[in-house]
């Protein structure tokens, strides 16, 4: 395994150093796959999206000539995936797309203002050309933005037809070394093609604009924060993004978790695509669940073998007989469970371990009133298991609790309460008995058992692999794209 220590961070105005809770890695082959699929798919329809008008101004013998081209048409333009190649430049974080051995045939009408008003027709062919389209990637307001650099076209063969309603202008075609008609023709093709590409939505822009920067968990008071805090091309070979990677509570605008990530976590995996999720993300997830109150609940029924039945002194007489003995057969029981402080998540070799301390108050309601029977606490340690799923709406990390790997310990009975003669081992047996029902049907943490990853909806991961190690998990695989 090759470890890459990539220190990507953003320095704010207060000089506080922020580290990413998630990191994404895309090498050149990822973008090659993306662009080979997307660019021919889009640009082969370029004939249906010509620019309405192109204006060009040039100088001739100390005077200005103002051309306006319209009725622009692209003819017989086709592009195959093998003609598309990409390269990276670390300087200015550029992604450069080259369309190799491409032919462009563009025609249109024009008007010219130059000592009068003239009109005419042009037809230009650039054969066996290399078209270079540079894009620089950057961030603004924690989102990815693109800076489009000028396109260049380098043709092997160049032909054009220039006709005007003025014979003198038409004859000037043969004086191309005196007036810049050849430059005007090439510029006409270049600007027409550039305008059409922008109109069709550049492929890289389409890729990044689909990213989820902020997403709420349905109706829950929780939200994923995937704002980008660092982004760049490195070593002319890969793009790496640092993502905030935390969970927020929208109703508490200024609340933040007590956890901090004070360093970047080195990569442990290799591959063209990698996504690293640190324990910081999982801890803020648990903090959000706890702060929003989703881990504090009251349970009055129990699910067992897919059958729901009420919790009463009669139904639990074999589990907690002291309640039946104290309150009789008709008492309704409720368990109020509160998570003490915040649960902790630790990524360790082989899984994600979650630890929490739970405080449970048992209430019994009879015809005579509501009684606090007893209160106890216990520590819980469990393991979270995850699997990736490719859906039409994106890539999701599905997770569930490892019930068979859950350990309950350190039971403590608080003094006070109506029922005094309960042995703590009895409570331990009761909690263990209801554990499966508690996790599978009640704990709200598993009402939202799928996390959408910060990847575009058009992307899926083939042959995914999840590696878990100290302080982070990494997802690797071969990316593919659909349109």
Protein backbone atom coordinates (compact mmCIF):
# COMPACT_ATOMS: atom_id res chain seq x y z
CA UNK A 1 0.00 0.00 0.00
CA UNK A 2 1.25 3.44 -0.85
CA UNK A 3 0.59 6.15 1.72
CA UNK A 4 0.29 9.68 0.40
CA UNK A 5 0.39 12.44 2.99
CA UNK A 6 -1.47 15.24 1.26
CA UNK A 7 -1.71 18.34 3.41
CA UNK A 8 -4.69 20.15 1.94
CA UNK A 9 -6.15 22.90 4.08
CA UNK A 10 -7.63 26.35 3.84
CA UNK A 11 -6.46 29.31 5.91
CA UNK A 12 -9.30 31.64 6.83
CA UNK A 13 -9.12 35.32 7.65
CA UNK A 14 -8.60 34.42 11.30
CA UNK A 15 -5.63 32.21 10.36
CA UNK A 16 -7.41 29.19 11.82
CA UNK A 17 -6.43 26.03 10.01
CA UNK A 18 -9.26 23.80 8.79
CA UNK A 19 -8.76 20.17 7.83
CA UNK A 20 -11.11 18.16 5.65
CA UNK A 21 -13.49 15.67 7.26
CA UNK A 22 -13.59 14.02 3.83
CA UNK A 23 -11.16 13.91 0.92
CA UNK A 24 -11.72 12.97 -2.70
CA UNK A 25 -9.06 11.87 -5.18
CA UNK A 26 -9.49 11.63 -8.98
CA UNK A 27 -6.55 10.80 -11.20
CA UNK A 28 -6.21 11.59 -14.88
CA UNK A 29 -7.80 8.31 -15.98
CA UNK A 30 -11.04 9.26 -14.15
CA UNK A 31 -11.37 12.47 -16.11
CA UNK A 32 -10.33 10.68 -19.29
CA UNK A 33 -13.21 8.24 -18.78
CA UNK A 34 -15.61 11.06 -17.95
CA UNK A 35 -14.69 13.24 -20.91
CA UNK A 36 -14.51 10.42 -23.45
CA UNK A 37 -18.08 9.53 -22.51
CA UNK A 38 -19.50 13.00 -22.17
CA UNK A 39 -17.88 15.25 -24.78
CA UNK A 40 -18.82 13.21 -27.90
CA UNK A 41 -22.28 12.73 -26.38
CA UNK A 42 -22.73 16.51 -26.16
CA UNK A 43 -20.71 17.94 -29.03
CA UNK A 44 -22.09 15.65 -31.72
CA UNK A 45 -25.28 17.69 -31.40
CA UNK A 46 -23.40 20.95 -31.93
CA UNK A 47 -25.14 21.51 -35.29
CA UNK A 48 -28.40 21.96 -33.38
CA UNK A 49 -26.95 24.70 -31.16
CA UNK A 50 -25.03 27.23 -33.29
CA UNK A 51 -24.45 30.72 -31.85
CA UNK A 52 -26.87 33.34 -33.10
CA UNK A 53 -24.23 35.95 -33.78
CA UNK A 54 -20.45 36.44 -33.67
CA UNK A 55 -18.76 39.87 -33.78
CA UNK A 56 -15.12 40.36 -34.81
CA UNK A 57 -13.18 43.61 -35.14
CA UNK A 58 -9.83 43.83 -36.91
CA UNK A 59 -7.48 46.51 -38.27
CA UNK A 60 -6.59 47.12 -41.90
CA UNK A 61 -4.24 49.92 -43.03
CA UNK A 62 -4.91 51.92 -39.88
CA UNK A 63 -8.70 51.52 -40.09
CA UNK A 64 -11.19 49.34 -38.21
CA UNK A 65 -13.26 46.63 -39.89
CA UNK A 66 -16.31 45.41 -37.91
CA UNK A 67 -17.67 41.97 -38.94
CA UNK A 68 -20.93 40.51 -37.66
CA UNK A 69 -21.62 36.87 -38.57
CA UNK A 70 -25.10 35.30 -38.43
CA UNK A 71 -27.04 32.31 -39.83
CA UNK A 72 -24.10 30.26 -38.57
CA UNK A 73 -24.12 26.52 -39.35
CA UNK A 74 -21.88 23.58 -38.41
CA UNK A 75 -21.59 20.87 -41.06
CA UNK A 76 -20.81 17.15 -40.70
CA UNK A 77 -19.24 17.41 -37.25
CA UNK A 78 -18.61 14.04 -35.59
CA UNK A 79 -16.43 13.11 -32.65
CA UNK A 80 -15.50 9.69 -31.25
CA UNK A 81 -14.27 8.87 -27.72
CA UNK A 82 -10.81 7.95 -29.03
CA UNK A 83 -10.33 11.55 -30.21
CA UNK A 84 -10.67 12.94 -26.66
CA UNK A 85 -7.66 13.16 -24.36
CA UNK A 86 -6.98 14.99 -21.10
CA UNK A 87 -3.98 16.29 -19.23
CA UNK A 88 -3.44 18.22 -16.00
CA UNK A 89 -1.36 21.28 -15.16
CA UNK A 90 -0.63 22.04 -11.52
CA UNK A 91 -0.13 25.74 -12.33
CA UNK A 92 -3.55 27.44 -12.07
CA UNK A 93 -5.05 23.95 -11.48
CA UNK A 94 -5.87 23.38 -15.14
CA UNK A 95 -7.68 20.45 -16.71
CA UNK A 96 -6.86 20.50 -20.42
CA UNK A 97 -9.04 18.64 -22.89
CA UNK A 98 -7.75 18.05 -26.41
CA UNK A 99 -9.90 16.96 -29.35
CA UNK A 100 -7.47 15.27 -31.72
CA UNK A 101 -7.70 14.99 -35.52
CA UNK A 102 -10.94 16.95 -35.58
CA UNK A 103 -12.43 18.63 -38.65
CA UNK A 104 -14.61 21.72 -38.45
CA UNK A 105 -16.70 23.11 -41.29
CA UNK A 106 -18.55 26.30 -40.41
CA UNK A 107 -20.46 28.67 -42.68
CA UNK A 108 -22.51 31.81 -42.24
CA UNK A 109 -23.54 35.19 -43.57
CA UNK A 110 -21.88 38.41 -42.53
CA UNK A 111 -22.21 42.17 -42.53
CA UNK A 112 -19.17 44.46 -42.60
CA UNK A 113 -18.89 48.08 -41.54
CA UNK A 114 -15.85 49.67 -43.23
CA UNK A 115 -16.27 52.90 -45.17
CA UNK A 116 -19.82 51.73 -45.79
CA UNK A 117 -22.04 48.71 -45.12
CA UNK A 118 -21.44 45.42 -46.95
CA UNK A 119 -22.65 41.86 -46.70
CA UNK A 120 -21.59 38.43 -47.85
CA UNK A 121 -21.11 34.73 -47.17
CA UNK A 122 -18.23 32.64 -45.77
CA UNK A 123 -17.50 28.93 -45.55
CA UNK A 124 -14.47 27.77 -43.57
CA UNK A 125 -12.94 24.31 -43.19
CA UNK A 126 -10.27 23.42 -40.64
CA UNK A 127 -9.15 19.87 -41.36
CA UNK A 128 -7.27 17.43 -39.13
CA UNK A 129 -7.21 19.94 -36.27
CA UNK A 130 -6.26 19.70 -32.62
CA UNK A 131 -8.70 21.68 -30.48
CA UNK A 132 -7.47 22.55 -26.98
CA UNK A 133 -10.01 23.47 -24.28
CA UNK A 134 -8.37 24.51 -20.94
CA UNK A 135 -10.42 24.81 -17.75
CA UNK A 136 -9.10 25.94 -14.38
CA UNK A 137 -10.84 24.65 -11.25
CA UNK A 138 -11.10 26.77 -8.12
CA UNK A 139 -13.44 27.41 -5.19
CA UNK A 140 -15.73 30.32 -4.37
CA UNK A 141 -18.02 30.41 -1.34
CA UNK A 142 -16.95 26.80 -0.65
CA UNK A 143 -18.26 25.60 -4.01
CA UNK A 144 -16.33 24.53 -7.09
CA UNK A 145 -16.12 27.13 -9.85
CA UNK A 146 -14.58 26.92 -13.31
CA UNK A 147 -12.51 29.48 -15.17
CA UNK A 148 -12.63 28.99 -18.92
CA UNK A 149 -9.40 29.81 -20.73
CA UNK A 150 -9.42 30.66 -24.47
CA UNK A 151 -9.70 27.68 -26.79
CA UNK A 152 -7.07 27.13 -29.46
CA UNK A 153 -7.41 25.34 -32.81
CA UNK A 154 -4.36 24.10 -34.70
CA UNK A 155 -5.37 22.84 -38.17
CA UNK A 156 -3.24 20.79 -40.54
CA UNK A 157 -5.26 22.01 -43.54
CA UNK A 158 -7.20 25.27 -43.86
CA UNK A 159 -9.63 26.27 -46.64
CA UNK A 160 -12.19 29.02 -46.86
CA UNK A 161 -14.62 30.72 -49.23
CA UNK A 162 -15.19 34.47 -48.86
CA UNK A 163 -17.85 36.14 -51.01
CA UNK A 164 -19.19 39.69 -50.77
CA UNK A 165 -21.71 41.84 -52.61
CA UNK A 166 -18.76 44.19 -53.14
CA UNK A 167 -16.36 42.98 -55.83
CA UNK A 168 -13.49 44.93 -54.34
CA UNK A 169 -13.87 43.11 -51.00
CA UNK A 170 -14.09 39.74 -52.73
CA UNK A 171 -10.92 40.48 -54.66
CA UNK A 172 -9.12 41.35 -51.42
CA UNK A 173 -9.25 37.65 -50.62
CA UNK A 174 -6.23 37.26 -52.87
CA UNK A 175 -4.35 39.89 -50.87
CA UNK A 176 -4.38 37.90 -47.63
CA UNK A 177 -0.86 39.05 -46.79
CA UNK A 178 -2.10 42.65 -46.79
CA UNK A 179 -5.45 42.37 -45.05
CA UNK A 180 -6.17 39.78 -42.33
CA UNK A 181 -8.95 37.79 -43.96
CA UNK A 182 -7.35 34.46 -42.99
CA UNK A 183 -7.14 35.53 -39.35
CA UNK A 184 -10.80 36.64 -39.45
CA UNK A 185 -11.87 33.26 -40.87
CA UNK A 186 -9.99 31.28 -38.23
CA UNK A 187 -11.31 33.55 -35.48
CA UNK A 188 -14.84 33.09 -36.83
CA UNK A 189 -14.54 29.30 -36.50
CA UNK A 190 -12.86 29.45 -33.10
CA UNK A 191 -15.42 31.82 -31.57
CA UNK A 192 -18.36 29.94 -33.09
CA UNK A 193 -17.12 26.64 -31.70
CA UNK A 194 -16.29 28.10 -28.27
CA UNK A 195 -19.70 29.76 -27.98
CA UNK A 196 -21.47 26.53 -28.96
CA UNK A 197 -19.49 24.47 -26.41
CA UNK A 198 -20.30 26.92 -23.62
CA UNK A 199 -23.96 26.85 -24.63
CA UNK A 200 -23.98 23.05 -24.42
CA UNK A 201 -22.64 23.20 -20.86
CA UNK A 202 -18.96 22.18 -20.59
CA UNK A 203 -18.56 18.63 -19.39
CA UNK A 204 -16.44 19.43 -16.35
CA UNK A 205 -18.93 22.09 -15.28
CA UNK A 206 -21.75 19.57 -15.59
CA UNK A 207 -19.76 17.11 -13.50
CA UNK A 208 -19.09 19.55 -10.64
CA UNK A 209 -22.43 21.38 -10.66
CA UNK A 210 -24.17 18.13 -9.70
CA UNK A 211 -22.24 17.77 -6.46
CA UNK A 212 -24.20 17.88 -3.23
CA UNK A 213 -22.78 20.71 -1.12
CA UNK A 214 -25.59 20.76 1.45
CA UNK A 215 -28.42 18.30 1.93
CA UNK A 216 -30.98 17.85 4.67
CA UNK A 217 -31.99 14.42 5.95
CA UNK A 218 -35.57 14.41 4.72
CA UNK A 219 -37.77 15.87 7.45
CA UNK A 220 -35.13 15.44 10.15
CA UNK A 221 -33.38 18.44 11.71
CA UNK A 222 -30.04 17.24 10.31
CA UNK A 223 -28.02 18.24 7.26
CA UNK A 224 -24.90 17.05 5.45
CA UNK A 225 -22.25 19.75 5.03
CA UNK A 226 -20.12 18.95 1.97
CA UNK A 227 -18.68 22.42 1.36
CA UNK A 228 -15.31 22.37 -0.39
CA UNK A 229 -12.44 23.83 1.65
CA UNK A 230 -9.54 22.94 -0.64
CA UNK A 231 -9.17 21.95 -4.27
CA UNK A 232 -6.34 21.66 -6.73
CA UNK A 233 -4.36 19.76 -9.35
CA UNK A 234 -1.27 18.08 -7.93
CA UNK A 235 1.88 16.80 -9.65
CA UNK A 236 0.18 17.27 -13.04
CA UNK A 237 -1.50 13.92 -12.41
CA UNK A 238 -4.52 14.10 -10.08
CA UNK A 239 -7.19 16.36 -8.61
CA UNK A 240 -7.78 16.31 -4.87
CA UNK A 241 -10.60 18.00 -2.98
CA UNK A 242 -10.89 18.57 0.76
CA UNK A 243 -14.53 18.61 1.92
CA UNK A 244 -15.85 19.98 5.21
CA UNK A 245 -17.45 16.59 5.84
CA UNK A 246 -19.66 17.17 8.87
CA UNK A 247 -23.28 16.99 10.00
CA UNK A 248 -25.13 20.14 11.11
CA UNK A 249 -28.36 20.86 12.98
CA UNK A 250 -30.16 23.46 10.77
CA UNK A 251 -32.40 24.79 13.56
CA UNK A 252 -29.28 25.68 15.58
CA UNK A 253 -27.53 27.97 13.12
CA UNK A 254 -24.48 28.67 15.24
CA UNK A 255 -24.09 25.29 16.92
CA UNK A 256 -21.04 23.22 16.14
CA UNK A 257 -19.85 19.88 17.39
CA UNK A 258 -17.23 19.72 20.17
CA UNK A 259 -15.01 17.57 17.99
CA UNK A 260 -12.03 18.87 16.05
CA UNK A 261 -9.90 17.45 13.27
CA UNK A 262 -6.38 18.75 13.77
CA UNK A 263 -4.57 16.92 10.98
CA UNK A 264 -5.08 15.34 7.61
CA UNK A 265 -5.21 11.56 7.54
CA UNK A 266 -2.74 9.89 5.14
CA UNK A 267 -4.14 7.75 2.33
CA UNK A 268 -3.70 4.01 2.76
CA UNK A 269 -5.23 2.84 -0.53
CA UNK A 270 -4.31 3.31 -4.17
CA UNK A 271 -6.46 3.57 -7.26
CA UNK A 272 -7.82 6.10 -9.76
CA UNK A 273 -10.69 7.11 -7.46
CA UNK A 274 -10.63 7.35 -3.67
CA UNK A 275 -12.96 8.84 -1.08
CA UNK A 276 -11.80 9.15 2.51
CA UNK A 277 -14.30 9.62 5.36
CA UNK A 278 -12.71 10.38 8.72
CA UNK A 279 -14.00 9.61 12.20
CA UNK A 280 -14.62 13.38 12.51
CA UNK A 281 -17.58 13.01 10.11
CA UNK A 282 -19.07 10.10 12.04
CA UNK A 283 -18.64 11.88 15.37
CA UNK A 284 -20.42 15.00 14.10
CA UNK A 285 -23.16 12.69 12.79
CA UNK A 286 -23.67 11.24 16.27
CA UNK A 287 -23.40 14.72 17.81
CA UNK A 288 -26.12 15.97 15.44
CA UNK A 289 -28.41 13.06 16.28
CA UNK A 290 -27.91 13.65 20.00
CA UNK A 291 -28.18 17.47 19.86
CA UNK A 292 -31.35 17.34 17.75
CA UNK A 293 -32.87 14.94 20.29
CA UNK A 294 -33.18 11.89 18.04
CA UNK A 295 -31.40 9.64 20.53
CA UNK A 296 -33.80 10.52 23.38
CA UNK A 297 -37.07 8.65 23.11
CA UNK A 298 -39.89 7.03 25.04
CA UNK A 299 -40.96 3.51 24.09
CA UNK A 300 -44.39 2.11 24.99
CA UNK A 301 -44.53 -0.85 22.60
CA UNK A 302 -42.14 -3.57 21.51
CA UNK A 303 -41.67 -5.36 18.20
CA UNK A 304 -40.96 -9.07 18.45
CA UNK A 305 -41.05 -11.48 15.48
CA UNK A 306 -42.70 -8.70 13.43
CA UNK A 307 -45.54 -8.42 15.94
CA UNK A 308 -46.09 -5.23 17.95
CA UNK A 309 -47.43 -5.54 21.46
CA UNK A 310 -47.80 -3.00 24.29
CA UNK A 311 -45.41 -2.90 27.22
CA UNK A 312 -47.37 -3.73 30.37
CA UNK A 313 -46.62 -5.22 33.74
CA UNK A 314 -48.40 -8.36 32.54
CA UNK A 315 -46.48 -8.71 29.23
CA UNK A 316 -43.14 -8.21 31.02
CA UNK A 317 -43.92 -10.28 34.11
CA UNK A 318 -41.40 -12.95 33.05
CA UNK A 319 -38.71 -10.35 32.27
CA UNK A 320 -39.09 -7.88 35.17
CA UNK A 321 -41.34 -9.68 37.65
CA UNK A 322 -40.90 -6.96 40.30
CA UNK A 323 -43.08 -4.58 38.25
CA UNK A 324 -45.91 -7.11 38.15
CA UNK A 325 -45.54 -7.77 41.87
CA UNK A 326 -45.61 -4.04 42.74
CA UNK A 327 -48.27 -2.65 40.35
CA UNK A 328 -50.40 -5.66 39.43
CA UNK A 329 -51.40 -6.88 35.97
CA UNK A 330 -52.83 -3.70 34.43
CA UNK A 331 -49.92 -1.27 34.60
CA UNK A 332 -48.69 0.33 31.35
CA UNK A 333 -44.91 0.58 31.12
CA UNK A 334 -42.82 3.14 29.25
CA UNK A 335 -39.05 3.30 28.89
CA UNK A 336 -37.57 6.80 28.48
CA UNK A 337 -34.08 6.47 27.06
CA UNK A 338 -31.63 9.39 27.09
CA UNK A 339 -28.10 9.37 25.70
CA UNK A 340 -25.65 10.83 28.19
CA UNK A 341 -23.44 13.51 26.59
CA UNK A 342 -22.51 12.49 23.02
CA UNK A 343 -21.78 9.04 21.59
CA UNK A 344 -18.28 8.48 20.26
CA UNK A 345 -17.29 6.86 16.96
CA UNK A 346 -13.89 5.29 16.35
CA UNK A 347 -12.73 3.83 13.09
CA UNK A 348 -10.61 0.82 13.88
CA UNK A 349 -9.26 -2.00 11.78
CA UNK A 350 -12.27 -3.98 10.59
CA UNK A 351 -15.13 -1.61 11.37
CA UNK A 352 -16.63 1.55 12.81
CA UNK A 353 -17.09 1.26 16.56
CA UNK A 354 -19.69 3.38 18.39
CA UNK A 355 -19.75 3.83 22.16
CA UNK A 356 -22.46 5.51 24.22
CA UNK A 357 -23.79 5.72 27.77
CA UNK A 358 -27.58 5.37 28.04
CA UNK A 359 -29.79 6.42 30.96
CA UNK A 360 -33.18 4.70 31.12
CA UNK A 361 -36.11 5.71 33.32
CA UNK A 362 -38.94 3.19 33.71
CA UNK A 363 -42.41 4.66 34.30
CA UNK A 364 -45.52 2.70 35.21
CA UNK A 365 -48.99 4.16 34.67
CA UNK A 366 -51.93 2.73 36.61
CA UNK A 367 -55.43 3.95 37.37
CA UNK A 368 -54.01 5.65 40.43
CA UNK A 369 -51.27 7.66 38.72
CA UNK A 370 -47.82 7.63 37.10
CA UNK A 371 -44.91 6.16 39.07
CA UNK A 372 -41.19 6.33 38.43
CA UNK A 373 -40.34 2.72 39.07
CA UNK A 374 -36.55 2.99 38.75
CA UNK A 375 -33.71 4.54 36.73
CA UNK A 376 -30.56 2.81 35.55
CA UNK A 377 -27.68 3.38 33.15
CA UNK A 378 -25.43 1.19 31.03
CA UNK A 379 -22.60 1.51 28.51
CA UNK A 380 -23.07 0.27 24.98
CA UNK A 381 -20.41 -0.55 22.40
CA UNK A 382 -21.41 -1.70 18.94
CA UNK A 383 -20.09 -1.93 15.40
CA UNK A 384 -21.52 -0.25 12.30
CA UNK A 385 -21.38 -2.21 9.05
CA UNK A 386 -21.50 -0.42 5.68
CA UNK A 387 -22.03 -1.25 2.02
CA UNK A 388 -22.06 0.95 -1.11
CA UNK A 389 -25.07 1.19 -3.40
CA UNK A 390 -25.21 2.83 -6.85
CA UNK A 391 -28.61 4.43 -7.51
CA UNK A 392 -29.94 6.73 -10.22
CA UNK A 393 -29.77 9.61 -7.74
CA UNK A 394 -26.15 9.03 -6.70
CA UNK A 395 -23.83 6.79 -4.69
CA UNK A 396 -24.97 5.95 -1.15
CA UNK A 397 -23.26 4.46 1.88
CA UNK A 398 -25.82 2.18 3.52
CA UNK A 399 -25.16 1.11 7.07
CA UNK A 400 -26.65 -1.06 9.78
CA UNK A 401 -25.77 -2.01 13.30
CA UNK A 402 -24.00 -5.27 14.07
CA UNK A 403 -26.44 -6.56 16.68
CA UNK A 404 -24.43 -9.71 17.35
CA UNK A 405 -21.37 -7.55 17.99
CA UNK A 406 -23.06 -5.25 20.51
CA UNK A 407 -21.75 -5.35 24.07
CA UNK A 408 -23.64 -3.88 27.05
CA UNK A 409 -21.76 -3.32 30.28
CA UNK A 410 -21.33 -1.24 33.47
CA UNK A 411 -24.97 -1.36 34.57
CA UNK A 412 -25.76 1.00 37.41
CA UNK A 413 -29.01 1.34 39.36
CA UNK A 414 -29.72 4.88 40.59
CA UNK A 415 -31.06 5.21 44.14
CA UNK A 416 -34.68 6.20 44.63
CA UNK A 417 -37.73 5.11 42.66
CA UNK A 418 -40.82 3.19 43.66
CA UNK A 419 -39.39 -0.28 43.12
CA UNK A 420 -36.33 -0.95 45.27
CA UNK A 421 -35.78 -4.69 45.14
CA UNK A 422 -34.64 -5.10 41.52
CA UNK A 423 -31.38 -6.92 40.95
CA UNK A 424 -29.17 -5.29 38.31
CA UNK A 425 -28.67 -8.66 36.57
CA UNK A 426 -32.44 -8.77 35.98
CA UNK A 427 -32.24 -5.41 34.23
CA UNK A 428 -29.29 -6.56 32.14
CA UNK A 429 -31.29 -9.57 30.95
CA UNK A 430 -34.30 -7.39 30.13
CA UNK A 431 -32.24 -4.92 28.10
CA UNK A 432 -30.48 -7.72 26.22
CA UNK A 433 -33.86 -9.33 25.50
CA UNK A 434 -35.20 -6.13 23.92
CA UNK A 435 -31.99 -5.20 22.13
CA UNK A 436 -32.90 -6.50 18.66
CA UNK A 437 -36.26 -4.75 18.71
CA UNK A 438 -34.67 -1.56 20.02
CA UNK A 439 -32.09 -1.36 17.24
CA UNK A 440 -34.16 -2.58 14.31
CA UNK A 441 -37.43 -0.80 14.93
CA UNK A 442 -36.97 2.11 17.30
CA UNK A 443 -33.59 3.79 17.39
CA UNK A 444 -33.98 6.83 15.07
CA UNK A 445 -30.34 6.60 14.08
CA UNK A 446 -31.39 3.75 11.81
CA UNK A 447 -34.47 5.48 10.49
CA UNK A 448 -31.92 7.26 8.24
CA UNK A 449 -29.68 4.37 7.32
CA UNK A 450 -28.23 5.75 4.10
CA UNK A 451 -25.79 8.62 3.53
CA UNK A 452 -25.47 10.20 0.10
CA UNK A 453 -21.81 10.67 -0.75
CA UNK A 454 -20.45 13.95 -2.25
CA UNK A 455 -20.37 12.59 -5.81
CA UNK A 456 -22.40 13.58 -8.91
CA UNK A 457 -25.57 11.70 -9.73
CA UNK A 458 -24.12 10.66 -13.12
CA UNK A 459 -21.31 8.73 -11.42
CA UNK A 460 -21.32 5.16 -10.13
CA UNK A 461 -18.52 3.08 -8.62
CA UNK A 462 -17.75 -0.33 -10.07
CA UNK A 463 -16.12 -3.04 -7.93
CA UNK A 464 -16.22 -0.84 -4.82
CA UNK A 465 -14.09 -1.67 -1.82
CA UNK A 466 -14.37 -0.22 1.70
CA UNK A 467 -11.21 -0.24 3.81
CA UNK A 468 -11.41 0.65 7.51
CA UNK A 469 -8.37 1.66 9.50
CA UNK A 470 -7.41 3.93 12.38
CA UNK A 471 -9.36 7.23 12.22
CA UNK A 472 -10.84 6.85 8.71
CA UNK A 473 -12.46 4.65 6.11
CA UNK A 474 -11.59 4.74 2.41
CA UNK A 475 -13.79 3.88 -0.53
CA UNK A 476 -12.05 2.89 -3.75
CA UNK A 477 -13.23 1.58 -7.09
CA UNK A 478 -13.47 2.25 -10.80
CA UNK A 479 -15.73 5.23 -11.63
CA UNK A 480 -18.15 5.09 -14.53
CA UNK A 481 -20.49 7.78 -15.84
CA UNK A 482 -23.94 7.72 -17.38
CA UNK A 483 -25.94 10.34 -19.26
